[in-house]
Amino acid sequence: MTSLYLLIPLSLLLLALAVWAFFWAVSNDQFDDLDGPAHRILFDDDLAAPPSRRRAKAPAERDEPRR
């Protein structure tokens, strides 16, 4: 019975905190678009350019002189 004196006010405090968090989220427009961000992450990035298939020049073919 004595534990109820602690648990009931604690549960009421947690309930008040949850209600405050809900109203804060609504007032700060957290629930405007629920589907957009979930779909946007799938189509966000562009495709990467394919890697170049050119071969590197051999040391004798380079333009700069060797020292």
PDB file of N, CA and C in Angstrom:
ATOM      1  N   MET A   1       0.819  -1.203   0.000  1.00  0.00           N
ATOM      2  CA  MET A   1       0.000   0.000   0.000  1.00  0.00           C
ATOM      3  C   MET A   1       0.860   1.264   0.000  1.00  0.00           C
ATOM      4  N   THR A   2       1.962   1.203   0.717  1.00  0.00           N
ATOM      5  CA  THR A   2       2.807   2.404   0.771  1.00  0.00           C
ATOM      6  C   THR A   2       3.480   2.674  -0.572  1.00  0.00           C
ATOM      7  N   SER A   3       3.689   1.623  -1.360  1.00  0.00           N
ATOM      8  CA  SER A   3       4.312   1.852  -2.667  1.00  0.00           C
ATOM      9  C   SER A   3       3.364   2.590  -3.607  1.00  0.00           C
ATOM     10  N   LEU A   4       2.047   2.447  -3.384  1.00  0.00           N
ATOM     11  CA  LEU A   4       1.080   3.165  -4.219  1.00  0.00           C
ATOM     12  C   LEU A   4       1.170   4.675  -4.008  1.00  0.00           C
ATOM     13  N   TYR A   5       1.559   5.091  -2.814  1.00  0.00           N
ATOM     14  CA  TYR A   5       1.717   6.523  -2.548  1.00  0.00           C
ATOM     15  C   TYR A   5       2.841   7.119  -3.402  1.00  0.00           C
ATOM     16  N   LEU A   6       3.770   6.299  -3.815  1.00  0.00           N
ATOM     17  CA  LEU A   6       4.843   6.758  -4.690  1.00  0.00           C
ATOM     18  C   LEU A   6       4.495   6.539  -6.164  1.00  0.00           C
ATOM     19  N   LEU A   7       3.895   5.399  -6.477  1.00  0.00           N
ATOM     20  CA  LEU A   7       3.658   5.049  -7.875  1.00  0.00           C
ATOM     21  C   LEU A   7       2.539   5.861  -8.528  1.00  0.00           C
ATOM     22  N   ILE A   8       1.489   6.181  -7.788  1.00  0.00           N
ATOM     23  CA  ILE A   8       0.382   6.944  -8.379  1.00  0.00           C
ATOM     24  C   ILE A   8       0.819   8.361  -8.761  1.00  0.00           C
ATOM     25  N   PRO A   9       1.470   9.122  -7.870  1.00  0.00           N
ATOM     26  CA  PRO A   9       1.944  10.447  -8.315  1.00  0.00           C
ATOM     27  C   PRO A   9       2.987  10.364  -9.434  1.00  0.00           C
ATOM     28  N   LEU A  10       3.835   9.333  -9.396  1.00  0.00           N
ATOM     29  CA  LEU A  10       4.823   9.173 -10.454  1.00  0.00           C
ATOM     30  C   LEU A  10       4.152   8.891 -11.795  1.00  0.00           C
ATOM     31  N   SER A  11       3.127   8.066 -11.800  1.00  0.00           N
ATOM     32  CA  SER A  11       2.419   7.782 -13.052  1.00  0.00           C
ATOM     33  C   SER A  11       1.657   9.004 -13.545  1.00  0.00           C
ATOM     34  N   LEU A  12       1.101   9.798 -12.645  1.00  0.00           N
ATOM     35  CA  LEU A  12       0.425  11.032 -13.053  1.00  0.00           C
ATOM     36  C   LEU A  12       1.421  12.035 -13.632  1.00  0.00           C
ATOM     37  N   LEU A  13       2.606  12.074 -13.061  1.00  0.00           N
ATOM     38  CA  LEU A  13       3.648  12.958 -13.587  1.00  0.00           C
ATOM     39  C   LEU A  13       4.078  12.519 -14.989  1.00  0.00           C
ATOM     40  N   LEU A  14       4.246  11.220 -15.188  1.00  0.00           N
ATOM     41  CA  LEU A  14       4.605  10.721 -16.515  1.00  0.00           C
ATOM     42  C   LEU A  14       3.490  10.953 -17.526  1.00  0.00           C
ATOM     43  N   LEU A  15       2.245  10.825 -17.096  1.00  0.00           N
ATOM     44  CA  LEU A  15       1.114  11.106 -17.981  1.00  0.00           C
ATOM     45  C   LEU A  15       1.103  12.577 -18.385  1.00  0.00           C
ATOM     46  N   ALA A  16       1.329  13.456 -17.417  1.00  0.00           N
ATOM     47  CA  ALA A  16       1.372  14.886 -17.723  1.00  0.00           C
ATOM     48  C   ALA A  16       2.520  15.208 -18.681  1.00  0.00           C
ATOM     49  N   LEU A  17       3.649  14.540 -18.501  1.00  0.00           N
ATOM     50  CA  LEU A  17       4.788  14.748 -19.396  1.00  0.00           C
ATOM     51  C   LEU A  17       4.466  14.270 -20.813  1.00  0.00           C
ATOM     52  N   ALA A  18       3.790  13.148 -20.946  1.00  0.00           N
ATOM     53  CA  ALA A  18       3.419  12.633 -22.263  1.00  0.00           C
ATOM     54  C   ALA A  18       2.409  13.547 -22.948  1.00  0.00           C
ATOM     55  N   VAL A  19       1.447  14.075 -22.196  1.00  0.00           N
ATOM     56  CA  VAL A  19       0.458  14.994 -22.769  1.00  0.00           C
ATOM     57  C   VAL A  19       1.141  16.280 -23.212  1.00  0.00           C
ATOM     58  N   TRP A  20       2.064  16.787 -22.400  1.00  0.00           N
ATOM     59  CA  TRP A  20       2.799  17.997 -22.773  1.00  0.00           C
ATOM     60  C   TRP A  20       3.615  17.756 -24.046  1.00  0.00           C
ATOM     61  N   ALA A  21       4.292  16.604 -24.140  1.00  0.00           N
ATOM     62  CA  ALA A  21       5.098  16.301 -25.326  1.00  0.00           C
ATOM     63  C   ALA A  21       4.219  16.194 -26.568  1.00  0.00           C
ATOM     64  N   PHE A  22       3.028  15.631 -26.430  1.00  0.00           N
ATOM     65  CA  PHE A  22       2.114  15.529 -27.566  1.00  0.00           C
ATOM     66  C   PHE A  22       1.676  16.907 -28.041  1.00  0.00           C
ATOM     67  N   PHE A  23       1.261  17.767 -27.115  1.00  0.00           N
ATOM     68  CA  PHE A  23       0.816  19.102 -27.515  1.00  0.00           C
ATOM     69  C   PHE A  23       1.972  19.943 -28.044  1.00  0.00           C
ATOM     70  N   TRP A  24       3.173  19.734 -27.524  1.00  0.00           N
ATOM     71  CA  TRP A  24       4.331  20.441 -28.057  1.00  0.00           C
ATOM     72  C   TRP A  24       4.582  20.020 -29.502  1.00  0.00           C
ATOM     73  N   ALA A  25       4.494  18.727 -29.776  1.00  0.00           N
ATOM     74  CA  ALA A  25       4.730  18.228 -31.129  1.00  0.00           C
ATOM     75  C   ALA A  25       3.672  18.748 -32.095  1.00  0.00           C
ATOM     76  N   VAL A  26       2.429  18.816 -31.660  1.00  0.00           N
ATOM     77  CA  VAL A  26       1.364  19.323 -32.528  1.00  0.00           C
ATOM     78  C   VAL A  26       1.557  20.811 -32.793  1.00  0.00           C
ATOM     79  N   SER A  27       1.919  21.563 -31.776  1.00  0.00           N
ATOM     80  CA  SER A  27       2.068  23.011 -31.965  1.00  0.00           C
ATOM     81  C   SER A  27       3.306  23.365 -32.784  1.00  0.00           C
ATOM     82  N   ASN A  28       4.301  22.495 -32.829  1.00  0.00           N
ATOM     83  CA  ASN A  28       5.509  22.748 -33.619  1.00  0.00           C
ATOM     84  C   ASN A  28       5.476  22.056 -34.972  1.00  0.00           C
ATOM     85  N   ASP A  29       4.287  21.688 -35.437  1.00  0.00           N
ATOM     86  CA  ASP A  29       4.067  21.119 -36.777  1.00  0.00           C
ATOM     87  C   ASP A  29       4.881  19.848 -37.031  1.00  0.00           C
ATOM     88  N   GLN A  30       4.973  18.988 -36.045  1.00  0.00           N
ATOM     89  CA  GLN A  30       5.689  17.734 -36.221  1.00  0.00           C
ATOM     90  C   GLN A  30       4.864  16.703 -36.983  1.00  0.00           C
ATOM     91  N   PHE A  31       3.558  16.908 -37.082  1.00  0.00           N
ATOM     92  CA  PHE A  31       2.679  15.936 -37.717  1.00  0.00           C
ATOM     93  C   PHE A  31       2.105  16.451 -39.031  1.00  0.00           C
ATOM     94  N   ASP A  32       2.767  17.384 -39.694  1.00  0.00           N
ATOM     95  CA  ASP A  32       2.243  17.941 -40.939  1.00  0.00           C
ATOM     96  C   ASP A  32       2.229  16.922 -42.070  1.00  0.00           C
ATOM     97  N   ASP A  33       3.354  16.296 -42.329  1.00  0.00           N
ATOM     98  CA  ASP A  33       3.471  15.368 -43.459  1.00  0.00           C
ATOM     99  C   ASP A  33       4.119  14.084 -42.957  1.00  0.00           C
ATOM    100  N   LEU A  34       3.298  13.083 -42.704  1.00  0.00           N
ATOM    101  CA  LEU A  34       3.827  11.841 -42.154  1.00  0.00           C
ATOM    102  C   LEU A  34       4.400  10.926 -43.225  1.00  0.00           C
ATOM    103  N   ASP A  35       3.911  11.011 -44.463  1.00  0.00           N
ATOM    104  CA  ASP A  35       4.368  10.104 -45.509  1.00  0.00           C
ATOM    105  C   ASP A  35       5.525  10.664 -46.319  1.00  0.00           C
ATOM    106  N   GLY A  36       5.630  11.959 -46.432  1.00  0.00           N
ATOM    107  CA  GLY A  36       6.664  12.567 -47.265  1.00  0.00           C
ATOM    108  C   GLY A  36       8.079  12.194 -46.871  1.00  0.00           C
ATOM    109  N   PRO A  37       8.488  12.382 -45.617  1.00  0.00           N
ATOM    110  CA  PRO A  37       9.861  12.037 -45.258  1.00  0.00           C
ATOM    111  C   PRO A  37      10.164  10.549 -45.404  1.00  0.00           C
ATOM    112  N   ALA A  38       9.172   9.708 -45.199  1.00  0.00           N
ATOM    113  CA  ALA A  38       9.410   8.267 -45.329  1.00  0.00           C
ATOM    114  C   ALA A  38       9.681   7.886 -46.779  1.00  0.00           C
ATOM    115  N   HIS A  39       9.015   8.529 -47.712  1.00  0.00           N
ATOM    116  CA  HIS A  39       9.234   8.225 -49.127  1.00  0.00           C
ATOM    117  C   HIS A  39      10.413   9.010 -49.688  1.00  0.00           C
ATOM    118  N   ARG A  40      10.681  10.174 -49.139  1.00  0.00           N
ATOM    119  CA  ARG A  40      11.747  11.029 -49.659  1.00  0.00           C
ATOM    120  C   ARG A  40      13.113  10.373 -49.504  1.00  0.00           C
ATOM    121  N   ILE A  41      13.303   9.603 -48.449  1.00  0.00           N
ATOM    122  CA  ILE A  41      14.615   8.990 -48.241  1.00  0.00           C
ATOM    123  C   ILE A  41      14.913   7.946 -49.310  1.00  0.00           C
ATOM    124  N   LEU A  42      13.878   7.382 -49.909  1.00  0.00           N
ATOM    125  CA  LEU A  42      14.093   6.385 -50.949  1.00  0.00           C
ATOM    126  C   LEU A  42      14.528   7.011 -52.268  1.00  0.00           C
ATOM    127  N   PHE A  43      14.129   8.242 -52.532  1.00  0.00           N
ATOM    128  CA  PHE A  43      14.398   8.891 -53.810  1.00  0.00           C
ATOM    129  C   PHE A  43      15.323  10.089 -53.672  1.00  0.00           C
ATOM    130  N   ASP A  44      16.059  10.193 -52.586  1.00  0.00           N
ATOM    131  CA  ASP A  44      16.831  11.386 -52.288  1.00  0.00           C
ATOM    132  C   ASP A  44      18.108  11.491 -53.120  1.00  0.00           C
ATOM    133  N   ASP A  45      18.869  10.435 -53.235  1.00  0.00           N
ATOM    134  CA  ASP A  45      20.179  10.513 -53.876  1.00  0.00           C
ATOM    135  C   ASP A  45      20.084  10.262 -55.374  1.00  0.00           C
ATOM    136  N   ASP A  46      20.944  10.952 -56.111  1.00  0.00           N
ATOM    137  CA  ASP A  46      21.068  10.687 -57.537  1.00  0.00           C
ATOM    138  C   ASP A  46      21.945   9.452 -57.726  1.00  0.00           C
ATOM    139  N   LEU A  47      21.850   8.868 -58.903  1.00  0.00           N
ATOM    140  CA  LEU A  47      22.693   7.715 -59.196  1.00  0.00           C
ATOM    141  C   LEU A  47      24.134   8.171 -59.372  1.00  0.00           C
ATOM    142  N   ALA A  48      25.041   7.376 -58.884  1.00  0.00           N
ATOM    143  CA  ALA A  48      26.458   7.707 -59.017  1.00  0.00           C
ATOM    144  C   ALA A  48      26.897   7.482 -60.457  1.00  0.00           C
ATOM    145  N   ALA A  49      27.837   8.276 -60.895  1.00  0.00           N
ATOM    146  CA  ALA A  49      28.366   8.123 -62.250  1.00  0.00           C
ATOM    147  C   ALA A  49      29.152   6.822 -62.328  1.00  0.00           C
ATOM    148  N   PRO A  50      29.055   6.130 -63.451  1.00  0.00           N
ATOM    149  CA  PRO A  50      29.814   4.880 -63.570  1.00  0.00           C
ATOM    150  C   PRO A  50      31.308   5.176 -63.565  1.00  0.00           C
ATOM    151  N   PRO A  51      32.100   4.261 -63.058  1.00  0.00           N
ATOM    152  CA  PRO A  51      33.549   4.520 -63.010  1.00  0.00           C
ATOM    153  C   PRO A  51      34.141   4.591 -64.414  1.00  0.00           C
ATOM    154  N   SER A  52      35.183   5.359 -64.531  1.00  0.00           N
ATOM    155  CA  SER A  52      35.840   5.533 -65.823  1.00  0.00           C
ATOM    156  C   SER A  52      36.559   4.243 -66.206  1.00  0.00           C
ATOM    157  N   ARG A  53      36.471   3.893 -67.485  1.00  0.00           N
ATOM    158  CA  ARG A  53      37.106   2.656 -67.946  1.00  0.00           C
ATOM    159  C   ARG A  53      38.400   2.943 -68.721  1.00  0.00           C
ATOM    160  N   ARG A  54      38.858   4.192 -68.682  1.00  0.00           N
ATOM    161  CA  ARG A  54      40.112   4.507 -69.366  1.00  0.00           C
ATOM    162  C   ARG A  54      41.273   3.865 -68.614  1.00  0.00           C
ATOM    163  N   ARG A  55      42.242   3.419 -69.378  1.00  0.00           N
ATOM    164  CA  ARG A  55      43.409   2.852 -68.714  1.00  0.00           C
ATOM    165  C   ARG A  55      44.380   3.989 -68.415  1.00  0.00           C
ATOM    166  N   ALA A  56      45.134   3.811 -67.379  1.00  0.00           N
ATOM    167  CA  ALA A  56      46.124   4.827 -67.020  1.00  0.00           C
ATOM    168  C   ALA A  56      47.269   4.783 -68.025  1.00  0.00           C
ATOM    169  N   LYS A  57      47.838   5.951 -68.307  1.00  0.00           N
ATOM    170  CA  LYS A  57      48.962   5.999 -69.244  1.00  0.00           C
ATOM    171  C   LYS A  57      50.181   5.336 -68.610  1.00  0.00           C
ATOM    172  N   ALA A  58      50.925   4.676 -69.443  1.00  0.00           N
ATOM    173  CA  ALA A  58      52.182   4.082 -68.986  1.00  0.00           C
ATOM    174  C   ALA A  58      53.167   5.212 -68.717  1.00  0.00           C
ATOM    175  N   PRO A  59      54.189   4.981 -67.905  1.00  0.00           N
ATOM    176  CA  PRO A  59      55.152   6.064 -67.603  1.00  0.00           C
ATOM    177  C   PRO A  59      55.796   6.663 -68.845  1.00  0.00           C
ATOM    178  N   ALA A  60      56.000   5.889 -69.915  1.00  0.00           N
ATOM    179  CA  ALA A  60      56.625   6.421 -71.130  1.00  0.00           C
ATOM    180  C   ALA A  60      55.659   7.301 -71.917  1.00  0.00           C
ATOM    181  N   GLU A  61      54.374   7.144 -71.732  1.00  0.00           N
ATOM    182  CA  GLU A  61      53.385   7.908 -72.489  1.00  0.00           C
ATOM    183  C   GLU A  61      53.000   9.218 -71.817  1.00  0.00           C
ATOM    184  N   ARG A  62      53.443   9.446 -70.609  1.00  0.00           N
ATOM    185  CA  ARG A  62      53.062  10.668 -69.892  1.00  0.00           C
ATOM    186  C   ARG A  62      53.694  11.888 -70.538  1.00  0.00           C
ATOM    187  N   ASP A  63      53.026  13.033 -70.373  1.00  0.00           N
ATOM    188  CA  ASP A  63      53.470  14.272 -71.002  1.00  0.00           C
ATOM    189  C   ASP A  63      54.656  14.908 -70.292  1.00  0.00           C
ATOM    190  N   GLU A  64      54.803  14.688 -69.036  1.00  0.00           N
ATOM    191  CA  GLU A  64      55.855  15.366 -68.282  1.00  0.00           C
ATOM    192  C   GLU A  64      57.181  14.605 -68.406  1.00  0.00           C
ATOM    193  N   PRO A  65      58.266  15.322 -68.480  1.00  0.00           N
ATOM    194  CA  PRO A  65      59.571  14.646 -68.585  1.00  0.00           C
ATOM    195  C   PRO A  65      59.984  14.041 -67.241  1.00  0.00           C
ATOM    196  N   ARG A  66      60.733  12.958 -67.323  1.00  0.00           N
ATOM    197  CA  ARG A  66      61.224  12.314 -66.099  1.00  0.00           C
ATOM    198  C   ARG A  66      62.506  12.989 -65.664  1.00  0.00           C
ATOM    199  N   ARG A  67      62.727  13.092 -64.405  1.00  0.00           N
ATOM    200  CA  ARG A  67      63.953  13.711 -63.880  1.00  0.00           C
ATOM    201  C   ARG A  67      64.807  12.706 -63.195  1.00  0.00           C
TER     202      ARG A  67
END
